[in-house]
C-alpha atoms as a PDB file:
ATOM      1  CA  UNK A   1      20.084   9.704 -25.985  1.00  0.00           C
ATOM      2  CA  UNK A   2      23.058   7.662 -24.830  1.00  0.00           C
ATOM      3  CA  UNK A   3      23.318   4.214 -26.358  1.00  0.00           C
ATOM      4  CA  UNK A   4      24.037   1.288 -24.070  1.00  0.00           C
ATOM      5  CA  UNK A   5      27.332  -0.476 -24.753  1.00  0.00           C
ATOM      6  CA  UNK A   6      27.173  -3.895 -26.355  1.00  0.00           C
ATOM      7  CA  UNK A   7      28.117  -6.643 -23.937  1.00  0.00           C
ATOM      8  CA  UNK A   8      29.841  -9.852 -24.960  1.00  0.00           C
ATOM      9  CA  UNK A   9      30.592 -13.151 -23.248  1.00  0.00           C
ATOM     10  CA  UNK A  10      33.694 -15.143 -24.163  1.00  0.00           C
ATOM     11  CA  UNK A  11      33.484 -18.915 -23.752  1.00  0.00           C
ATOM     12  CA  UNK A  12      35.968 -21.763 -23.651  1.00  0.00           C
ATOM     13  CA  UNK A  13      34.461 -24.206 -26.159  1.00  0.00           C
ATOM     14  CA  UNK A  14      36.102 -27.199 -24.460  1.00  0.00           C
ATOM     15  CA  UNK A  15      34.430 -26.537 -21.099  1.00  0.00           C
ATOM     16  CA  UNK A  16      31.503 -24.275 -22.143  1.00  0.00           C
ATOM     17  CA  UNK A  17      32.469 -21.945 -19.276  1.00  0.00           C
ATOM     18  CA  UNK A  18      32.318 -18.174 -19.550  1.00  0.00           C
ATOM     19  CA  UNK A  19      35.886 -16.949 -19.232  1.00  0.00           C
ATOM     20  CA  UNK A  20      35.482 -13.208 -19.823  1.00  0.00           C
ATOM     21  CA  UNK A  21      32.942 -10.405 -20.145  1.00  0.00           C
ATOM     22  CA  UNK A  22      33.510  -7.342 -22.322  1.00  0.00           C
ATOM     23  CA  UNK A  23      31.546  -4.146 -22.951  1.00  0.00           C
ATOM     24  CA  UNK A  24      32.147  -2.287 -26.210  1.00  0.00           C
ATOM     25  CA  UNK A  25      30.697   1.215 -26.694  1.00  0.00           C
ATOM     26  CA  UNK A  26      28.218   1.358 -29.575  1.00  0.00           C
ATOM     27  CA  UNK A  27      29.952   4.394 -31.030  1.00  0.00           C
ATOM     28  CA  UNK A  28      33.376   2.728 -31.109  1.00  0.00           C
ATOM     29  CA  UNK A  29      34.582   1.993 -34.600  1.00  0.00           C
ATOM     30  CA  UNK A  30      36.455  -1.256 -35.058  1.00  0.00           C
ATOM     31  CA  UNK A  31      34.327  -3.262 -32.646  1.00  0.00           C
ATOM     32  CA  UNK A  32      35.150  -6.493 -34.476  1.00  0.00           C
ATOM     33  CA  UNK A  33      38.879  -5.814 -34.102  1.00  0.00           C
ATOM     34  CA  UNK A  34      38.436  -5.268 -30.346  1.00  0.00           C
ATOM     35  CA  UNK A  35      36.622  -8.594 -30.037  1.00  0.00           C
ATOM     36  CA  UNK A  36      39.232 -10.500 -32.033  1.00  0.00           C
ATOM     37  CA  UNK A  37      42.167  -8.930 -30.156  1.00  0.00           C
ATOM     38  CA  UNK A  38      40.484  -9.776 -26.842  1.00  0.00           C
ATOM     39  CA  UNK A  39      40.029 -13.351 -28.038  1.00  0.00           C
ATOM     40  CA  UNK A  40      43.741 -13.561 -28.886  1.00  0.00           C
ATOM     41  CA  UNK A  41      44.724 -12.018 -25.545  1.00  0.00           C
ATOM     42  CA  UNK A  42      42.589 -14.544 -23.647  1.00  0.00           C
ATOM     43  CA  UNK A  43      44.121 -17.446 -25.560  1.00  0.00           C
ATOM     44  CA  UNK A  44      47.680 -16.313 -24.830  1.00  0.00           C
ATOM     45  CA  UNK A  45      47.103 -15.413 -21.171  1.00  0.00           C
ATOM     46  CA  UNK A  46      45.253 -18.642 -20.377  1.00  0.00           C
ATOM     47  CA  UNK A  47      47.151 -21.076 -22.582  1.00  0.00           C
ATOM     48  CA  UNK A  48      44.014 -21.959 -24.531  1.00  0.00           C
ATOM     49  CA  UNK A  49      43.929 -22.816 -28.230  1.00  0.00           C
ATOM     50  CA  UNK A  50      42.445 -19.744 -29.945  1.00  0.00           C
ATOM     51  CA  UNK A  51      40.029 -21.954 -31.881  1.00  0.00           C
ATOM     52  CA  UNK A  52      38.507 -23.025 -28.554  1.00  0.00           C
ATOM     53  CA  UNK A  53      37.406 -19.503 -27.679  1.00  0.00           C
ATOM     54  CA  UNK A  54      34.252 -17.936 -29.029  1.00  0.00           C
ATOM     55  CA  UNK A  55      32.099 -14.971 -28.095  1.00  0.00           C
ATOM     56  CA  UNK A  56      28.443 -14.057 -28.282  1.00  0.00           C
ATOM     57  CA  UNK A  57      26.557 -10.865 -27.629  1.00  0.00           C
ATOM     58  CA  UNK A  58      25.031 -10.885 -24.155  1.00  0.00           C
ATOM     59  CA  UNK A  59      21.404  -9.988 -24.825  1.00  0.00           C
ATOM     60  CA  UNK A  60      20.257 -10.597 -21.243  1.00  0.00           C
ATOM     61  CA  UNK A  61      21.292  -7.055 -20.284  1.00  0.00           C
ATOM     62  CA  UNK A  62      19.506  -5.218 -23.081  1.00  0.00           C
ATOM     63  CA  UNK A  63      17.102  -2.465 -22.070  1.00  0.00           C
ATOM     64  CA  UNK A  64      18.381  -2.421 -18.508  1.00  0.00           C
ATOM     65  CA  UNK A  65      17.395  -6.010 -17.739  1.00  0.00           C
END
């Protein structure tokens, strides 16, 4: 059975807008490092203070929904 990848939404805390979506395979080790490096990349590319970016797991897409 193939596991669905975990999906994450990245938000700008100052505007509460979603700024990025990311899928991370369940079997990938270092998932936390991928999330943190993506957060840093978004901050640099968009000129946003890194403390203003946060991410949550997108549970709306679980089980094919």
